[in-house]
Amino acid sequence: MSRSLFLVLTLLSLIWGGSFFFLKILLHDFGPWTIAFMRSALGLITITLVMLSLKKPIGFRHISWVPMIIMALINTAIPWSLIAFSETRLTSTMASVLNATTPLWTLAIGMLFFKAVSGRMQWLGMLIAFCGIIVLLDVNPVSLVSVDLLGFVCMMGATCAYAIGGQLSKRLPGNLSMYQITFGTLLSSMIGSGGLALMTESFSFSGFASASTVASLIGLGVFGSGVAYILYYYLVQKGGPEIASLVTYLIPITAFVWGYTLLNEEITWNLLVGMVFIVGGVFLTGRKEKPKAKVTVGA
C-alpha cells in the first residue's frame, strides 16, 4: 500500500470513528431525526460545492428519484437516526463495534433476498461474529445481558437498514457518477429526516451557542458525511475495493480512542474481546475462496 493510500485510509477511519463521538455531543441539544437532517444538509452542501468546483454535472433530471429516495431513506436517513437514538442508551464505543457488523448483515440479507452466493468461509465468519455479539452483550445467568436491549436493537436495526440499502444501491441506474449518487442520497435523506424531525421533535437554536456543538456538527456533517464520501471513493478508485474495505476494521479502533480520551468511556474486557471476534468474523466473510484446481487426466 502506498503512503498516500495509507494516510487517506487512516484519515477516513478517524473521521468515521469520530462520528460516534460527535453524535454523543450533539444529543445533548438535538433529537435523532434533527441530527440526521443537519448531517445530511451539511453533507449535501459539501458535495455540491465539490461538484461545482470540479465542474461535475449534477444531472438533476437524469436521476431516477423514486428508487433514489427509497434507497436513501433506508440506507441513510433511517440508520443515521437509529444510531443517534441508540447512543442515548449505549456508549459511543459500543455503538461503533456493533456498527462493524454491517457487512455481516449485508451478506445475510443478500443470501436471503438477493440471491447472493456464499461459501464455507462466509458461514464461519458469521458464526465467529455472532459469538462476538454474545460476548459483547455479556450474557450471564443473573441479569441475562448487561447491555441496554433497546439501544442494542436500534443499533442492529441500523446495521440491517445499511445492509438493505446497500443492496438497493447496487440496483440504481448505472449511468450515475459517484458524485450524483452521493448528491441524490443526501438530498433525499435531508428531506425525509427533516420532515420527520418537524413532526416528532422540538428544535431550539440555543444549541448552536456552544462551540463544541458547532464543531461536532462540522465534524459530523461536513467531514463525516461530505469529505468522507470523497475519501472513500478515492480509496476505491486508487487502491481498489479491498483497500477501501479495510476502513471497516479500523473504525472501532479509532472510535475507542475518541471515546476513551474525550468521553472517558470505560473499555471493558467484553468490549475488547467482542470487537476482536466481530472484526475477525467480518474479515473472514470478506475473503473469497480460492477455486479448486481442475485435475487433467492424461489419455
C-alpha atoms as a PDB file:
ATOM      1  CA  MET A   1       0.000   0.000   0.000  1.00  0.00           C
ATOM      2  CA  SER A   2       1.379   3.424  -0.943  1.00  0.00           C
ATOM      3  CA  ARG A   3       1.913   6.128   1.654  1.00  0.00           C
ATOM      4  CA  SER A   4      -0.886   8.296   0.221  1.00  0.00           C
ATOM      5  CA  LEU A   5      -3.417   5.456   0.401  1.00  0.00           C
ATOM      6  CA  PHE A   6      -2.349   4.680   3.973  1.00  0.00           C
ATOM      7  CA  LEU A   7      -2.793   8.321   5.012  1.00  0.00           C
ATOM      8  CA  VAL A   8      -6.235   8.544   3.365  1.00  0.00           C
ATOM      9  CA  LEU A   9      -7.308   5.264   4.988  1.00  0.00           C
ATOM     10  CA  THR A  10      -6.178   6.483   8.414  1.00  0.00           C
ATOM     11  CA  LEU A  11      -7.899   9.853   7.964  1.00  0.00           C
ATOM     12  CA  LEU A  12     -11.146   8.207   6.839  1.00  0.00           C
ATOM     13  CA  SER A  13     -11.156   5.846   9.831  1.00  0.00           C
ATOM     14  CA  LEU A  14     -10.576   8.805  12.180  1.00  0.00           C
ATOM     15  CA  ILE A  15     -13.452  10.754  10.605  1.00  0.00           C
ATOM     16  CA  TRP A  16     -15.947   7.887  10.655  1.00  0.00           C
ATOM     17  CA  GLY A  17     -14.778   6.675  14.058  1.00  0.00           C
ATOM     18  CA  GLY A  18     -15.170  10.228  15.342  1.00  0.00           C
ATOM     19  CA  SER A  19     -18.763  10.324  14.078  1.00  0.00           C
ATOM     20  CA  PHE A  20     -19.865   8.314  17.119  1.00  0.00           C
ATOM     21  CA  PHE A  21     -18.178  10.883  19.388  1.00  0.00           C
ATOM     22  CA  PHE A  22     -19.796  13.812  17.546  1.00  0.00           C
ATOM     23  CA  LEU A  23     -23.220  12.182  17.877  1.00  0.00           C
ATOM     24  CA  LYS A  24     -22.751  11.891  21.636  1.00  0.00           C
ATOM     25  CA  ILE A  25     -22.089  15.638  21.878  1.00  0.00           C
ATOM     26  CA  LEU A  26     -24.989  16.660  19.631  1.00  0.00           C
ATOM     27  CA  LEU A  27     -27.520  14.525  21.509  1.00  0.00           C
ATOM     28  CA  HIS A  28     -27.301  16.978  24.423  1.00  0.00           C
ATOM     29  CA  ASP A  29     -29.138  19.584  22.309  1.00  0.00           C
ATOM     30  CA  PHE A  30     -30.912  17.832  19.415  1.00  0.00           C
ATOM     31  CA  GLY A  31     -33.065  14.780  18.716  1.00  0.00           C
ATOM     32  CA  PRO A  32     -32.011  11.855  16.468  1.00  0.00           C
ATOM     33  CA  TRP A  33     -34.057  12.928  13.423  1.00  0.00           C
ATOM     34  CA  THR A  34     -32.835  16.524  13.728  1.00  0.00           C
ATOM     35  CA  ILE A  35     -29.242  15.323  13.836  1.00  0.00           C
ATOM     36  CA  ALA A  36     -29.829  13.151  10.751  1.00  0.00           C
ATOM     37  CA  PHE A  37     -31.321  16.190   8.975  1.00  0.00           C
ATOM     38  CA  MET A  38     -28.422  18.523   9.838  1.00  0.00           C
ATOM     39  CA  ARG A  39     -25.887  15.844   8.983  1.00  0.00           C
ATOM     40  CA  SER A  40     -27.492  15.302   5.581  1.00  0.00           C
ATOM     41  CA  ALA A  41     -27.816  19.042   4.899  1.00  0.00           C
ATOM     42  CA  LEU A  42     -24.177  19.823   5.686  1.00  0.00           C
ATOM     43  CA  GLY A  43     -23.028  16.810   3.693  1.00  0.00           C
ATOM     44  CA  LEU A  44     -25.193  17.932   0.766  1.00  0.00           C
ATOM     45  CA  ILE A  45     -23.717  21.445   0.855  1.00  0.00           C
ATOM     46  CA  THR A  46     -20.215  19.985   0.919  1.00  0.00           C
ATOM     47  CA  ILE A  47     -20.694  17.587  -2.002  1.00  0.00           C
ATOM     48  CA  THR A  48     -22.484  20.295  -4.039  1.00  0.00           C
ATOM     49  CA  LEU A  49     -19.567  22.705  -3.583  1.00  0.00           C
ATOM     50  CA  VAL A  50     -17.136  19.953  -4.568  1.00  0.00           C
ATOM     51  CA  MET A  51     -19.154  19.127  -7.696  1.00  0.00           C
ATOM     52  CA  LEU A  52     -19.334  22.786  -8.705  1.00  0.00           C
ATOM     53  CA  SER A  53     -15.609  23.336  -8.147  1.00  0.00           C
ATOM     54  CA  LEU A  54     -14.721  20.201 -10.141  1.00  0.00           C
ATOM     55  CA  LYS A  55     -17.370  21.049 -12.771  1.00  0.00           C
ATOM     56  CA  LYS A  56     -19.134  17.735 -12.272  1.00  0.00           C
ATOM     57  CA  PRO A  57     -22.687  17.650 -13.688  1.00  0.00           C
ATOM     58  CA  ILE A  58     -25.464  17.292 -11.137  1.00  0.00           C
ATOM     59  CA  GLY A  59     -27.869  15.966 -13.765  1.00  0.00           C
ATOM     60  CA  PHE A  60     -30.965  16.523 -11.610  1.00  0.00           C
ATOM     61  CA  ARG A  61     -33.346  15.370 -14.340  1.00  0.00           C
ATOM     62  CA  HIS A  62     -31.328  12.243 -15.113  1.00  0.00           C
ATOM     63  CA  ILE A  63     -31.634  10.832 -11.581  1.00  0.00           C
ATOM     64  CA  SER A  64     -34.388   8.231 -11.122  1.00  0.00           C
ATOM     65  CA  TRP A  65     -35.791   9.816  -7.994  1.00  0.00           C
ATOM     66  CA  VAL A  66     -38.232   7.126  -6.821  1.00  0.00           C
ATOM     67  CA  PRO A  67     -35.605   4.369  -6.370  1.00  0.00           C
ATOM     68  CA  MET A  68     -33.109   7.012  -5.175  1.00  0.00           C
ATOM     69  CA  ILE A  69     -35.453   8.242  -2.424  1.00  0.00           C
ATOM     70  CA  ILE A  70     -36.292   4.698  -1.279  1.00  0.00           C
ATOM     71  CA  MET A  71     -32.616   3.755  -1.161  1.00  0.00           C
ATOM     72  CA  ALA A  72     -31.601   6.978   0.600  1.00  0.00           C
ATOM     73  CA  LEU A  73     -34.224   6.673   3.330  1.00  0.00           C
ATOM     74  CA  ILE A  74     -33.282   3.057   4.061  1.00  0.00           C
ATOM     75  CA  ASN A  75     -29.532   3.461   3.623  1.00  0.00           C
ATOM     76  CA  THR A  76     -29.031   6.889   5.193  1.00  0.00           C
ATOM     77  CA  ALA A  77     -31.873   8.686   6.990  1.00  0.00           C
ATOM     78  CA  ILE A  78     -33.214   5.733   8.991  1.00  0.00           C
ATOM     79  CA  PRO A  79     -29.864   4.228  10.106  1.00  0.00           C
ATOM     80  CA  TRP A  80     -28.429   7.651  10.988  1.00  0.00           C
ATOM     81  CA  SER A  81     -31.381   8.409  13.260  1.00  0.00           C
ATOM     82  CA  LEU A  82     -31.341   4.902  14.782  1.00  0.00           C
ATOM     83  CA  ILE A  83     -27.622   5.162  15.558  1.00  0.00           C
ATOM     84  CA  ALA A  84     -28.177   8.549  17.183  1.00  0.00           C
ATOM     85  CA  PHE A  85     -31.035   7.170  19.306  1.00  0.00           C
ATOM     86  CA  SER A  86     -29.018   4.089  20.285  1.00  0.00           C
ATOM     87  CA  GLU A  87     -26.256   6.347  21.601  1.00  0.00           C
ATOM     88  CA  THR A  88     -28.693   7.772  24.126  1.00  0.00           C
ATOM     89  CA  ARG A  89     -28.538   4.324  25.736  1.00  0.00           C
ATOM     90  CA  LEU A  90     -25.140   2.924  24.664  1.00  0.00           C
ATOM     91  CA  THR A  91     -21.578   4.230  24.779  1.00  0.00           C
ATOM     92  CA  SER A  92     -20.101   5.500  21.526  1.00  0.00           C
ATOM     93  CA  THR A  93     -17.517   2.696  21.556  1.00  0.00           C
ATOM     94  CA  MET A  94     -20.200   0.016  21.959  1.00  0.00           C
ATOM     95  CA  ALA A  95     -22.182   1.556  19.084  1.00  0.00           C
ATOM     96  CA  SER A  96     -19.106   1.598  16.836  1.00  0.00           C
ATOM     97  CA  VAL A  97     -18.363  -2.087  17.449  1.00  0.00           C
ATOM     98  CA  LEU A  98     -21.971  -3.070  16.714  1.00  0.00           C
ATOM     99  CA  ASN A  99     -21.843  -0.913  13.583  1.00  0.00           C
ATOM    100  CA  ALA A 100     -18.932  -3.061  12.379  1.00  0.00           C
ATOM    101  CA  THR A 101     -21.394  -5.955  11.910  1.00  0.00           C
ATOM    102  CA  THR A 102     -22.893  -4.203   8.860  1.00  0.00           C
ATOM    103  CA  PRO A 103     -21.003  -6.373   6.302  1.00  0.00           C
ATOM    104  CA  LEU A 104     -22.377  -9.490   8.027  1.00  0.00           C
ATOM    105  CA  TRP A 105     -25.975  -8.332   7.687  1.00  0.00           C
ATOM    106  CA  THR A 106     -25.267  -7.281   4.113  1.00  0.00           C
ATOM    107  CA  LEU A 107     -24.144 -10.825   3.353  1.00  0.00           C
ATOM    108  CA  ALA A 108     -27.056 -12.430   5.211  1.00  0.00           C
ATOM    109  CA  ILE A 109     -29.703 -10.251   3.563  1.00  0.00           C
ATOM    110  CA  GLY A 110     -28.016 -10.737   0.202  1.00  0.00           C
ATOM    111  CA  MET A 111     -28.272 -14.512   0.613  1.00  0.00           C
ATOM    112  CA  LEU A 112     -31.882 -14.439   1.818  1.00  0.00           C
ATOM    113  CA  PHE A 113     -33.413 -11.938  -0.590  1.00  0.00           C
ATOM    114  CA  PHE A 114     -30.965 -11.049  -3.362  1.00  0.00           C
ATOM    115  CA  LYS A 115     -29.556 -14.469  -4.345  1.00  0.00           C
ATOM    116  CA  ALA A 116     -26.027 -13.659  -3.176  1.00  0.00           C
ATOM    117  CA  VAL A 117     -23.575 -16.576  -3.236  1.00  0.00           C
ATOM    118  CA  SER A 118     -21.798 -17.659  -0.043  1.00  0.00           C
ATOM    119  CA  GLY A 119     -19.257 -20.312   0.906  1.00  0.00           C
ATOM    120  CA  ARG A 120     -17.911 -22.037   3.987  1.00  0.00           C
ATOM    121  CA  MET A 121     -15.663 -19.084   4.830  1.00  0.00           C
ATOM    122  CA  GLN A 122     -18.634 -16.703   4.925  1.00  0.00           C
ATOM    123  CA  TRP A 123     -20.623 -19.010   7.202  1.00  0.00           C
ATOM    124  CA  LEU A 124     -17.628 -19.435   9.527  1.00  0.00           C
ATOM    125  CA  GLY A 125     -17.135 -15.669   9.672  1.00  0.00           C
ATOM    126  CA  MET A 126     -20.784 -15.102  10.539  1.00  0.00           C
ATOM    127  CA  LEU A 127     -20.606 -17.704  13.310  1.00  0.00           C
ATOM    128  CA  ILE A 128     -17.496 -16.110  14.825  1.00  0.00           C
ATOM    129  CA  ALA A 129     -19.024 -12.636  14.639  1.00  0.00           C
ATOM    130  CA  PHE A 130     -22.225 -13.919  16.285  1.00  0.00           C
ATOM    131  CA  CYS A 131     -20.088 -15.255  19.143  1.00  0.00           C
ATOM    132  CA  GLY A 132     -18.583 -11.772  19.372  1.00  0.00           C
ATOM    133  CA  ILE A 133     -22.054 -10.247  19.753  1.00  0.00           C
ATOM    134  CA  ILE A 134     -22.808 -12.695  22.583  1.00  0.00           C
ATOM    135  CA  VAL A 135     -19.568 -11.692  24.316  1.00  0.00           C
ATOM    136  CA  LEU A 136     -20.363  -8.019  23.729  1.00  0.00           C
ATOM    137  CA  LEU A 137     -23.783  -8.420  25.360  1.00  0.00           C
ATOM    138  CA  ASP A 138     -22.065 -10.010  28.397  1.00  0.00           C
ATOM    139  CA  VAL A 139     -24.684 -12.759  28.655  1.00  0.00           C
ATOM    140  CA  ASN A 140     -24.931 -14.084  32.226  1.00  0.00           C
ATOM    141  CA  PRO A 141     -27.480 -16.033  34.338  1.00  0.00           C
ATOM    142  CA  VAL A 142     -28.123 -13.122  36.716  1.00  0.00           C
ATOM    143  CA  SER A 143     -29.098 -10.179  34.512  1.00  0.00           C
ATOM    144  CA  LEU A 144     -29.209 -12.125  31.208  1.00  0.00           C
ATOM    145  CA  VAL A 145     -27.454  -9.260  29.388  1.00  0.00           C
ATOM    146  CA  SER A 146     -25.503  -6.261  30.673  1.00  0.00           C
ATOM    147  CA  VAL A 147     -26.242  -4.009  27.687  1.00  0.00           C
ATOM    148  CA  ASP A 148     -29.345  -1.867  27.227  1.00  0.00           C
ATOM    149  CA  LEU A 149     -31.540  -4.016  24.981  1.00  0.00           C
ATOM    150  CA  LEU A 150     -33.419  -1.157  23.303  1.00  0.00           C
ATOM    151  CA  GLY A 151     -30.169   0.542  22.386  1.00  0.00           C
ATOM    152  CA  PHE A 152     -28.793  -2.771  21.107  1.00  0.00           C
ATOM    153  CA  VAL A 153     -31.906  -3.490  18.998  1.00  0.00           C
ATOM    154  CA  CYS A 154     -31.852   0.008  17.484  1.00  0.00           C
ATOM    155  CA  MET A 155     -28.173  -0.358  16.601  1.00  0.00           C
ATOM    156  CA  MET A 156     -28.843  -3.730  14.973  1.00  0.00           C
ATOM    157  CA  GLY A 157     -31.772  -2.162  13.143  1.00  0.00           C
ATOM    158  CA  ALA A 158     -29.415   0.499  11.789  1.00  0.00           C
ATOM    159  CA  THR A 159     -26.938  -2.089  10.506  1.00  0.00           C
ATOM    160  CA  CYS A 160     -29.771  -4.062   8.865  1.00  0.00           C
ATOM    161  CA  ALA A 161     -31.005  -0.866   7.209  1.00  0.00           C
ATOM    162  CA  TYR A 162     -27.479  -0.248   5.919  1.00  0.00           C
ATOM    163  CA  ALA A 163     -27.410  -3.792   4.558  1.00  0.00           C
ATOM    164  CA  ILE A 164     -30.742  -3.488   2.734  1.00  0.00           C
ATOM    165  CA  GLY A 165     -29.854  -0.027   1.459  1.00  0.00           C
ATOM    166  CA  GLY A 166     -26.503  -1.272   0.227  1.00  0.00           C
ATOM    167  CA  GLN A 167     -28.198  -3.982  -1.807  1.00  0.00           C
ATOM    168  CA  LEU A 168     -30.687  -1.447  -3.212  1.00  0.00           C
ATOM    169  CA  SER A 169     -27.897   0.983  -4.134  1.00  0.00           C
ATOM    170  CA  LYS A 170     -26.410  -1.671  -6.430  1.00  0.00           C
ATOM    171  CA  ARG A 171     -29.658  -1.604  -8.389  1.00  0.00           C
ATOM    172  CA  LEU A 172     -29.661   2.108  -9.129  1.00  0.00           C
ATOM    173  CA  PRO A 173     -29.278   3.023 -12.823  1.00  0.00           C
ATOM    174  CA  GLY A 174     -25.647   2.564 -13.832  1.00  0.00           C
ATOM    175  CA  ASN A 175     -25.352   5.880 -15.675  1.00  0.00           C
ATOM    176  CA  LEU A 176     -24.893   7.902 -12.458  1.00  0.00           C
ATOM    177  CA  SER A 177     -21.492   9.027 -11.188  1.00  0.00           C
ATOM    178  CA  MET A 178     -20.425   8.619  -7.569  1.00  0.00           C
ATOM    179  CA  TYR A 179     -20.980  12.369  -7.111  1.00  0.00           C
ATOM    180  CA  GLN A 180     -24.545  12.173  -8.421  1.00  0.00           C
ATOM    181  CA  ILE A 181     -25.366   9.183  -6.209  1.00  0.00           C
ATOM    182  CA  THR A 182     -23.976  10.995  -3.169  1.00  0.00           C
ATOM    183  CA  PHE A 183     -25.868  14.183  -4.096  1.00  0.00           C
ATOM    184  CA  GLY A 184     -29.169  12.328  -4.595  1.00  0.00           C
ATOM    185  CA  THR A 185     -28.714  10.288  -1.415  1.00  0.00           C
ATOM    186  CA  LEU A 186     -28.005  13.270   0.824  1.00  0.00           C
ATOM    187  CA  LEU A 187     -30.763  15.408  -0.723  1.00  0.00           C
ATOM    188  CA  SER A 188     -33.360  12.650  -0.240  1.00  0.00           C
ATOM    189  CA  SER A 189     -32.120  11.944   3.281  1.00  0.00           C
ATOM    190  CA  MET A 190     -32.254  15.636   4.193  1.00  0.00           C
ATOM    191  CA  ILE A 191     -35.864  15.994   3.051  1.00  0.00           C
ATOM    192  CA  GLY A 192     -37.013  12.724   4.654  1.00  0.00           C
ATOM    193  CA  SER A 193     -35.313  13.193   8.022  1.00  0.00           C
ATOM    194  CA  GLY A 194     -36.209  16.892   8.071  1.00  0.00           C
ATOM    195  CA  GLY A 195     -39.896  16.112   7.649  1.00  0.00           C
ATOM    196  CA  LEU A 196     -39.854  13.559  10.458  1.00  0.00           C
ATOM    197  CA  ALA A 197     -37.881  15.918  12.691  1.00  0.00           C
ATOM    198  CA  LEU A 198     -40.548  18.612  12.227  1.00  0.00           C
ATOM    199  CA  MET A 199     -43.327  16.159  13.132  1.00  0.00           C
ATOM    200  CA  THR A 200     -41.725  14.412  16.108  1.00  0.00           C
ATOM    201  CA  GLU A 201     -39.052  16.623  17.697  1.00  0.00           C
ATOM    202  CA  SER A 202     -38.711  20.121  19.108  1.00  0.00           C
ATOM    203  CA  PHE A 203     -35.932  22.372  17.881  1.00  0.00           C
ATOM    204  CA  SER A 204     -34.072  25.233  19.543  1.00  0.00           C
ATOM    205  CA  PHE A 205     -31.342  27.492  18.144  1.00  0.00           C
ATOM    206  CA  SER A 206     -29.843  27.803  21.618  1.00  0.00           C
ATOM    207  CA  GLY A 207     -27.838  24.631  20.988  1.00  0.00           C
ATOM    208  CA  PHE A 208     -25.739  26.474  18.419  1.00  0.00           C
ATOM    209  CA  ALA A 209     -24.404  28.782  21.148  1.00  0.00           C
ATOM    210  CA  SER A 210     -21.978  26.064  22.224  1.00  0.00           C
ATOM    211  CA  ALA A 211     -18.659  25.884  20.374  1.00  0.00           C
ATOM    212  CA  SER A 212     -18.472  22.111  20.921  1.00  0.00           C
ATOM    213  CA  THR A 213     -21.895  21.686  19.284  1.00  0.00           C
ATOM    214  CA  VAL A 214     -20.897  23.686  16.212  1.00  0.00           C
ATOM    215  CA  ALA A 215     -17.585  21.828  15.956  1.00  0.00           C
ATOM    216  CA  SER A 216     -19.389  18.469  16.248  1.00  0.00           C
ATOM    217  CA  LEU A 217     -21.844  19.483  13.513  1.00  0.00           C
ATOM    218  CA  ILE A 218     -18.970  20.379  11.214  1.00  0.00           C
ATOM    219  CA  GLY A 219     -17.183  17.138  12.066  1.00  0.00           C
ATOM    220  CA  LEU A 220     -20.294  15.009  11.517  1.00  0.00           C
ATOM    221  CA  GLY A 221     -21.824  16.825   8.546  1.00  0.00           C
ATOM    222  CA  VAL A 222     -19.014  18.390   6.540  1.00  0.00           C
ATOM    223  CA  PHE A 223     -16.362  15.764   7.207  1.00  0.00           C
ATOM    224  CA  GLY A 224     -18.310  12.636   8.203  1.00  0.00           C
ATOM    225  CA  SER A 225     -20.978  12.962   5.509  1.00  0.00           C
ATOM    226  CA  GLY A 226     -19.259  15.017   2.813  1.00  0.00           C
ATOM    227  CA  VAL A 227     -15.468  14.725   2.776  1.00  0.00           C
ATOM    228  CA  ALA A 228     -15.586  11.090   3.915  1.00  0.00           C
ATOM    229  CA  TYR A 229     -17.508  10.026   0.790  1.00  0.00           C
ATOM    230  CA  ILE A 230     -14.827  11.585  -1.406  1.00  0.00           C
ATOM    231  CA  LEU A 231     -12.024   9.898   0.566  1.00  0.00           C
ATOM    232  CA  TYR A 232     -13.788   6.546   0.397  1.00  0.00           C
ATOM    233  CA  TYR A 233     -14.283   6.674  -3.364  1.00  0.00           C
ATOM    234  CA  TYR A 234     -10.647   7.805  -3.740  1.00  0.00           C
ATOM    235  CA  LEU A 235      -9.614   4.592  -1.970  1.00  0.00           C
ATOM    236  CA  VAL A 236     -11.894   2.539  -4.214  1.00  0.00           C
ATOM    237  CA  GLN A 237     -10.509   4.120  -7.395  1.00  0.00           C
ATOM    238  CA  LYS A 238      -6.821   4.235  -6.459  1.00  0.00           C
ATOM    239  CA  GLY A 239      -6.490   1.175  -4.256  1.00  0.00           C
ATOM    240  CA  GLY A 240      -9.498  -0.992  -5.102  1.00  0.00           C
ATOM    241  CA  PRO A 241     -12.464  -2.233  -3.025  1.00  0.00           C
ATOM    242  CA  GLU A 242     -10.206  -4.443  -0.907  1.00  0.00           C
ATOM    243  CA  ILE A 243      -8.171  -1.476   0.334  1.00  0.00           C
ATOM    244  CA  ALA A 244     -11.318   0.607   0.901  1.00  0.00           C
ATOM    245  CA  SER A 245     -12.920  -2.201   2.931  1.00  0.00           C
ATOM    246  CA  LEU A 246     -10.066  -2.023   5.465  1.00  0.00           C
ATOM    247  CA  VAL A 247     -11.743   1.030   6.984  1.00  0.00           C
ATOM    248  CA  THR A 248     -14.378  -1.341   8.434  1.00  0.00           C
ATOM    249  CA  TYR A 249     -11.753  -2.847  10.729  1.00  0.00           C
ATOM    250  CA  LEU A 250     -10.202   0.492  11.739  1.00  0.00           C
ATOM    251  CA  ILE A 251     -13.374   2.403  12.671  1.00  0.00           C
ATOM    252  CA  PRO A 252     -13.970   0.580  16.013  1.00  0.00           C
ATOM    253  CA  ILE A 253     -10.328   1.170  16.967  1.00  0.00           C
ATOM    254  CA  THR A 254     -10.462   4.912  16.257  1.00  0.00           C
ATOM    255  CA  ALA A 255     -13.861   5.130  17.975  1.00  0.00           C
ATOM    256  CA  PHE A 256     -12.254   3.506  21.037  1.00  0.00           C
ATOM    257  CA  VAL A 257      -9.616   6.254  21.029  1.00  0.00           C
ATOM    258  CA  TRP A 258     -12.204   9.043  20.677  1.00  0.00           C
ATOM    259  CA  GLY A 259     -14.491   7.602  23.366  1.00  0.00           C
ATOM    260  CA  TYR A 260     -11.750   6.797  25.879  1.00  0.00           C
ATOM    261  CA  THR A 261      -9.790  10.055  25.559  1.00  0.00           C
ATOM    262  CA  LEU A 262     -12.601  12.585  25.097  1.00  0.00           C
ATOM    263  CA  LEU A 263     -15.669  10.972  26.737  1.00  0.00           C
ATOM    264  CA  ASN A 264     -13.908   8.975  29.480  1.00  0.00           C
ATOM    265  CA  GLU A 265     -15.797   5.852  28.408  1.00  0.00           C
ATOM    266  CA  GLU A 266     -14.785   2.629  30.110  1.00  0.00           C
ATOM    267  CA  ILE A 267     -13.093  -0.017  27.957  1.00  0.00           C
ATOM    268  CA  THR A 268     -14.279  -3.361  29.368  1.00  0.00           C
ATOM    269  CA  TRP A 269     -12.960  -6.855  28.648  1.00  0.00           C
ATOM    270  CA  ASN A 270     -16.125  -7.966  26.861  1.00  0.00           C
ATOM    271  CA  LEU A 271     -15.994  -4.866  24.644  1.00  0.00           C
ATOM    272  CA  LEU A 272     -12.435  -5.643  23.557  1.00  0.00           C
ATOM    273  CA  VAL A 273     -12.966  -9.393  23.109  1.00  0.00           C
ATOM    274  CA  GLY A 274     -16.293  -8.856  21.351  1.00  0.00           C
ATOM    275  CA  MET A 275     -14.642  -6.402  18.956  1.00  0.00           C
ATOM    276  CA  VAL A 276     -11.886  -8.908  18.120  1.00  0.00           C
ATOM    277  CA  PHE A 277     -14.453 -11.633  17.357  1.00  0.00           C
ATOM    278  CA  ILE A 278     -16.694  -9.334  15.305  1.00  0.00           C
ATOM    279  CA  VAL A 279     -13.887  -7.760  13.279  1.00  0.00           C
ATOM    280  CA  GLY A 280     -12.340 -11.215  12.758  1.00  0.00           C
ATOM    281  CA  GLY A 281     -15.674 -12.578  11.567  1.00  0.00           C
ATOM    282  CA  VAL A 282     -16.151  -9.656   9.189  1.00  0.00           C
ATOM    283  CA  PHE A 283     -12.655 -10.277   7.823  1.00  0.00           C
ATOM    284  CA  LEU A 284     -13.456 -13.935   7.118  1.00  0.00           C
ATOM    285  CA  THR A 285     -16.769 -13.162   5.413  1.00  0.00           C
ATOM    286  CA  GLY A 286     -14.935 -10.794   3.084  1.00  0.00           C
ATOM    287  CA  ARG A 287     -12.432 -13.422   1.962  1.00  0.00           C
ATOM    288  CA  LYS A 288     -13.009 -15.167  -1.324  1.00  0.00           C
ATOM    289  CA  GLU A 289     -12.423 -18.877  -1.508  1.00  0.00           C
ATOM    290  CA  LYS A 290      -9.815 -19.986  -3.989  1.00  0.00           C
ATOM    291  CA  PRO A 291     -11.279 -22.028  -6.844  1.00  0.00           C
ATOM    292  CA  LYS A 292     -10.248 -25.644  -6.845  1.00  0.00           C
ATOM    293  CA  ALA A 293      -7.718 -26.508  -9.481  1.00  0.00           C
ATOM    294  CA  LYS A 294      -9.014 -28.798 -12.173  1.00  0.00           C
ATOM    295  CA  VAL A 295      -7.196 -32.100 -12.451  1.00  0.00           C
ATOM    296  CA  THR A 296      -6.469 -33.104 -16.010  1.00  0.00           C
ATOM    297  CA  VAL A 297      -6.183 -36.851 -16.588  1.00  0.00           C
ATOM    298  CA  GLY A 298      -3.871 -37.843 -19.398  1.00  0.00           C
ATOM    299  CA  ALA A 299      -5.040 -40.105 -22.178  1.00  0.00           C
END
